[in-house]
Amino acid sequence: MATNPLIDPEALPLYLRLADRIETDLRAIDGADGARLPSERQLAERYEASRVTIRAALGELRERGILVSLPARGWAIAAAPKSRGAGTDGRVMGFTDLAQQRGQRMRSEVLSAAVRPATVREAELLHTVAGADLFEMHRLRYLNDLVIAVEHNRLPLAVAPALAGTDFTRRSLYDVLREATPKQQPHYADYSVEARIATDQERTQLDISGPVPILAATQLTFNQEAVPIELTIQAYRGDRYTFRASITD
């Protein structure tokens, strides 16, 4: 993974720095999908690290989609990551992109937008440092004037300083990222979704009455250099949104 010039590598936890080193080495040798890695003991010797740190680094690479764990057989290189929520050009598509592609009217209502310090957990996920400026936004998303989702976005301000001064009732978040210097192209994302009961606040925001479930999605988006740039949580009305995915080998 290319090092983000806006982040001091030495400020990252040791296991994350080691994960970056291992990923760089794997890309250098261009290993085939499914190729086995040396044992954790051999990796610990090669990288002069404890097995605990090696295991944490390998776990991080599994989270990035670089490796898969093989029960009782160690670790192997994962298949090349496919873009989640991607269009035909292979890029990750935002809510605005999808609405335009489907010919639907989209609008956003910004509930709050501010810059604040990143927490330790946010810093770990977004590969920045705790206390660094984080752009945070809550907004409602509408399609054809029906409220579909409430969205919570968090991004390191350093990746696109223009975030702080943008009117997101008029602009697309991903367009602002693509226009940044250097540009931040949402390339692939780790995405998970679960059904649950809406909170009282979500029921009010999504205009829910009666037993309507919500689909809660968490998305960690990576740029063209495999650097995480966006952490978003979305709560969709279950009666107005359908999740679809293509599963490949």
Protein backbone atom coordinates (compact mmCIF):
# COMPACT_ATOMS: atom_id res chain seq x y z
CA MET A 1 0.00 0.00 0.00
CA ALA A 2 1.38 3.42 -0.89
CA THR A 3 2.07 5.60 2.12
CA ASN A 4 -0.22 8.60 2.46
CA PRO A 5 2.11 11.65 2.51
CA LEU A 6 -0.29 13.41 4.87
CA ILE A 7 0.19 10.80 7.60
CA ASP A 8 3.34 10.26 9.64
CA PRO A 9 3.99 6.49 9.34
CA GLU A 10 5.82 6.47 12.67
CA ALA A 11 2.64 7.64 14.40
CA LEU A 12 0.80 4.46 13.39
CA PRO A 13 0.69 1.43 15.70
CA LEU A 14 3.46 -1.10 15.06
CA TYR A 15 1.12 -3.76 13.66
CA LEU A 16 -0.27 -1.30 11.09
CA ARG A 17 3.23 -0.29 9.97
CA LEU A 18 4.12 -3.97 9.71
CA ALA A 19 0.93 -4.67 7.74
CA ASP A 20 1.93 -1.93 5.27
CA ARG A 21 5.41 -3.49 4.89
CA ILE A 22 4.00 -6.95 4.27
CA GLU A 23 1.45 -5.62 1.77
CA THR A 24 4.18 -3.71 -0.08
CA ASP A 25 6.31 -6.87 -0.23
CA LEU A 26 3.37 -8.94 -1.50
CA ARG A 27 2.68 -6.42 -4.26
CA ALA A 28 6.37 -6.41 -5.21
CA ILE A 29 6.43 -10.17 -5.77
CA ASP A 30 2.97 -10.08 -7.42
CA GLY A 31 1.92 -13.33 -5.78
CA ALA A 32 -0.87 -15.37 -7.32
CA ASP A 33 -4.30 -15.61 -5.74
CA GLY A 34 -4.33 -18.43 -3.20
CA ALA A 35 -0.54 -18.52 -2.77
CA ARG A 36 0.43 -19.55 0.76
CA LEU A 37 2.47 -17.27 3.03
CA PRO A 38 5.34 -18.50 5.18
CA SER A 39 4.41 -19.55 8.70
CA GLU A 40 3.87 -16.92 11.39
CA ARG A 41 7.16 -18.03 13.01
CA GLN A 42 9.05 -17.51 9.75
CA LEU A 43 7.38 -14.12 9.22
CA ALA A 44 8.28 -13.09 12.77
CA GLU A 45 11.93 -13.92 12.06
CA ARG A 46 11.91 -12.17 8.67
CA TYR A 47 10.37 -8.95 9.98
CA GLU A 48 12.01 -9.10 13.41
CA ALA A 49 8.70 -8.83 15.22
CA SER A 50 6.85 -10.84 17.82
CA ARG A 51 4.34 -13.43 16.68
CA VAL A 52 1.62 -11.43 18.45
CA THR A 53 2.45 -8.39 16.28
CA ILE A 54 2.69 -10.56 13.16
CA ARG A 55 -0.72 -12.06 13.87
CA ALA A 56 -2.23 -8.61 14.35
CA ALA A 57 -0.68 -7.39 11.09
CA LEU A 58 -1.98 -10.41 9.19
CA GLY A 59 -5.42 -9.84 10.70
CA GLU A 60 -5.29 -6.24 9.45
CA LEU A 61 -4.43 -7.47 5.95
CA ARG A 62 -7.37 -9.85 6.14
CA GLU A 63 -9.61 -6.88 6.96
CA ARG A 64 -8.21 -5.06 3.91
CA GLY A 65 -9.06 -8.03 1.71
CA ILE A 66 -5.38 -8.76 0.95
CA LEU A 67 -5.17 -12.09 2.79
CA VAL A 68 -7.43 -14.92 3.85
CA SER A 69 -6.85 -17.21 6.83
CA LEU A 70 -6.84 -20.94 6.23
CA PRO A 71 -7.95 -22.94 9.28
CA ALA A 72 -4.97 -24.97 10.53
CA ARG A 73 -3.04 -24.07 7.35
CA GLY A 74 -1.89 -20.48 7.87
CA TRP A 75 -2.47 -17.56 5.51
CA ALA A 76 -2.87 -17.09 1.75
CA ILE A 77 -3.22 -14.25 -0.73
CA ALA A 78 -6.86 -13.39 -1.34
CA ALA A 79 -8.45 -12.97 -4.73
CA ALA A 80 -8.11 -9.48 -6.14
CA PRO A 81 -10.68 -7.23 -4.41
CA LYS A 82 -13.85 -6.45 -6.32
CA SER A 83 -15.41 -3.02 -5.95
CA ARG A 84 -18.46 -3.08 -3.70
CA GLY A 85 -21.30 -0.88 -4.90
CA ALA A 86 -19.31 -0.29 -8.09
CA GLY A 87 -20.43 0.87 -11.48
CA THR A 88 -19.47 -0.60 -14.80
CA ASP A 89 -16.26 1.43 -14.82
CA GLY A 90 -15.06 -0.31 -11.64
CA ARG A 91 -15.28 2.65 -9.28
CA VAL A 92 -17.19 2.80 -6.03
CA MET A 93 -20.43 4.69 -6.57
CA GLY A 94 -21.96 7.04 -4.06
CA PHE A 95 -25.64 7.67 -3.41
CA THR A 96 -25.67 10.52 -5.96
CA ASP A 97 -23.94 8.37 -8.61
CA LEU A 98 -26.48 5.58 -8.20
CA ALA A 99 -29.44 7.96 -8.31
CA GLN A 100 -28.17 9.55 -11.52
CA GLN A 101 -27.50 6.17 -13.08
CA ARG A 102 -31.10 5.11 -12.38
CA GLY A 103 -32.63 8.40 -13.51
CA GLN A 104 -34.02 9.23 -10.07
CA ARG A 105 -34.21 12.60 -8.33
CA MET A 106 -31.85 12.78 -5.39
CA ARG A 107 -31.51 15.42 -2.71
CA SER A 108 -29.82 15.66 0.67
CA GLU A 109 -30.70 17.47 3.87
CA VAL A 110 -27.61 18.16 5.96
CA LEU A 111 -28.41 17.77 9.65
CA SER A 112 -24.92 18.68 10.88
CA ALA A 113 -21.41 19.11 9.47
CA ALA A 114 -18.30 19.96 11.45
CA VAL A 115 -14.59 19.33 11.89
CA ARG A 116 -13.53 17.63 15.12
CA PRO A 117 -10.61 15.54 16.43
CA ALA A 118 -10.55 11.87 15.40
CA THR A 119 -10.97 9.29 18.14
CA VAL A 120 -8.46 6.48 18.59
CA ARG A 121 -10.78 3.96 16.90
CA GLU A 122 -11.51 6.29 13.98
CA ALA A 123 -7.79 6.95 13.58
CA GLU A 124 -7.08 3.21 13.41
CA LEU A 125 -9.74 2.59 10.76
CA LEU A 126 -8.84 5.63 8.65
CA HIS A 127 -5.06 5.31 9.06
CA THR A 128 -4.61 8.74 10.57
CA VAL A 129 -3.66 9.79 14.10
CA ALA A 130 -5.93 10.31 17.09
CA GLY A 131 -6.71 14.01 17.40
CA ALA A 132 -6.20 14.74 13.69
CA ASP A 133 -8.91 16.84 12.01
CA LEU A 134 -11.88 14.70 10.98
CA PHE A 135 -14.76 15.94 8.85
CA GLU A 136 -18.05 14.58 10.17
CA MET A 137 -21.48 14.95 8.59
CA HIS A 138 -25.00 13.66 9.30
CA ARG A 139 -27.58 13.97 6.52
CA LEU A 140 -30.86 12.61 5.23
CA ARG A 141 -30.92 11.16 1.71
CA TYR A 142 -34.03 11.41 -0.47
CA LEU A 143 -35.02 9.73 -3.74
CA ASN A 144 -37.99 11.18 -5.62
CA ASP A 145 -38.79 13.23 -2.48
CA LEU A 146 -39.08 10.14 -0.26
CA VAL A 147 -36.62 9.87 2.62
CA ILE A 148 -34.57 6.69 2.12
CA ALA A 149 -31.69 6.84 4.57
CA VAL A 150 -29.93 8.73 7.31
CA GLU A 151 -26.18 8.81 6.76
CA HIS A 152 -23.19 9.44 9.04
CA ASN A 153 -19.96 10.25 7.14
CA ARG A 154 -16.47 10.57 8.60
CA LEU A 155 -13.36 11.44 6.57
CA PRO A 156 -9.85 12.68 7.45
CA LEU A 157 -9.94 16.36 6.53
CA ALA A 158 -6.41 16.09 5.14
CA VAL A 159 -7.56 13.98 2.18
CA ALA A 160 -9.76 16.83 0.89
CA PRO A 161 -9.64 20.10 2.88
CA ALA A 162 -12.50 21.48 0.74
CA LEU A 163 -14.88 19.16 2.60
CA ALA A 164 -15.18 21.65 5.45
CA GLY A 165 -16.47 24.48 3.26
CA THR A 166 -18.72 22.55 0.86
CA ASP A 167 -22.51 22.80 0.74
CA PHE A 168 -23.50 19.14 0.55
CA THR A 169 -27.11 19.96 -0.23
CA ARG A 170 -25.74 20.89 -3.65
CA ARG A 171 -22.56 18.85 -4.06
CA SER A 172 -21.72 15.16 -4.12
CA LEU A 173 -19.27 13.97 -1.47
CA TYR A 174 -17.50 11.72 -3.97
CA ASP A 175 -17.22 14.52 -6.52
CA VAL A 176 -15.40 16.63 -3.93
CA LEU A 177 -13.03 13.74 -3.25
CA ARG A 178 -12.37 13.23 -6.96
CA GLU A 179 -11.56 16.94 -7.33
CA ALA A 180 -9.10 17.01 -4.40
CA THR A 181 -5.35 17.53 -4.87
CA PRO A 182 -4.13 14.85 -5.08
CA LYS A 183 -7.43 13.40 -6.25
CA GLN A 184 -9.07 10.76 -4.08
CA GLN A 185 -10.80 8.20 -6.29
CA PRO A 186 -13.07 5.89 -4.27
CA HIS A 187 -11.80 2.58 -5.61
CA TYR A 188 -13.18 -0.24 -3.44
CA ALA A 189 -14.98 -0.61 -0.14
CA ASP A 190 -15.53 -3.04 2.68
CA TYR A 191 -19.29 -3.16 3.22
CA SER A 192 -21.44 -4.90 5.80
CA VAL A 193 -25.19 -4.70 6.38
CA GLU A 194 -27.57 -5.93 9.05
CA ALA A 195 -31.29 -5.65 9.73
CA ARG A 196 -32.34 -4.19 13.07
CA ILE A 197 -35.01 -2.17 14.84
CA ALA A 198 -34.75 1.60 14.35
CA THR A 199 -33.84 3.82 17.27
CA ASP A 200 -36.33 6.50 18.32
CA GLN A 201 -34.19 9.13 16.58
CA GLU A 202 -34.01 7.10 13.37
CA ARG A 203 -37.78 6.56 13.43
CA THR A 204 -38.27 10.33 13.55
CA GLN A 205 -35.65 11.07 10.89
CA LEU A 206 -36.91 8.39 8.52
CA ASP A 207 -40.59 9.13 9.13
CA ILE A 208 -41.24 5.59 10.33
CA SER A 209 -44.50 4.58 11.92
CA GLY A 210 -45.35 1.00 12.70
CA PRO A 211 -43.09 -2.10 12.60
CA VAL A 212 -40.73 -1.03 9.81
CA PRO A 213 -37.19 -2.45 10.17
CA ILE A 214 -34.08 -0.67 8.96
CA LEU A 215 -31.00 -1.93 7.16
CA ALA A 216 -27.87 -0.61 8.88
CA ALA A 217 -24.83 -0.56 6.58
CA THR A 218 -21.21 0.20 7.45
CA GLN A 219 -18.81 1.10 4.65
CA LEU A 220 -15.06 1.72 4.78
CA THR A 221 -13.97 3.13 1.42
CA PHE A 222 -10.43 3.01 0.04
CA ASN A 223 -8.84 5.23 -2.62
CA GLN A 224 -6.81 4.23 -5.68
CA GLU A 225 -3.76 3.65 -3.47
CA ALA A 226 -5.67 1.36 -1.07
CA VAL A 227 -5.70 4.07 1.62
CA PRO A 228 -8.93 4.28 3.67
CA ILE A 229 -10.56 7.67 3.11
CA GLU A 230 -14.17 7.39 4.29
CA LEU A 231 -16.07 5.66 7.09
CA THR A 232 -19.83 5.83 6.64
CA ILE A 233 -22.79 4.34 8.50
CA GLN A 234 -26.14 4.37 6.72
CA ALA A 235 -29.56 3.47 8.12
CA TYR A 236 -32.04 2.67 5.33
CA ARG A 237 -35.81 2.25 5.61
CA GLY A 238 -36.32 -1.45 5.03
CA ASP A 239 -39.50 -0.87 3.04
CA ARG A 240 -37.81 1.56 0.62
CA TYR A 241 -34.41 -0.02 0.07
CA THR A 242 -33.21 -3.39 -1.23
CA PHE A 243 -29.61 -4.56 -0.86
CA ARG A 244 -28.25 -6.53 -3.83
CA ALA A 245 -24.79 -7.97 -4.36
CA SER A 246 -23.01 -10.05 -6.96
CA ILE A 247 -20.94 -12.90 -5.51
CA THR A 248 -17.94 -14.10 -7.49
CA ASP A 249 -15.21 -16.63 -6.86
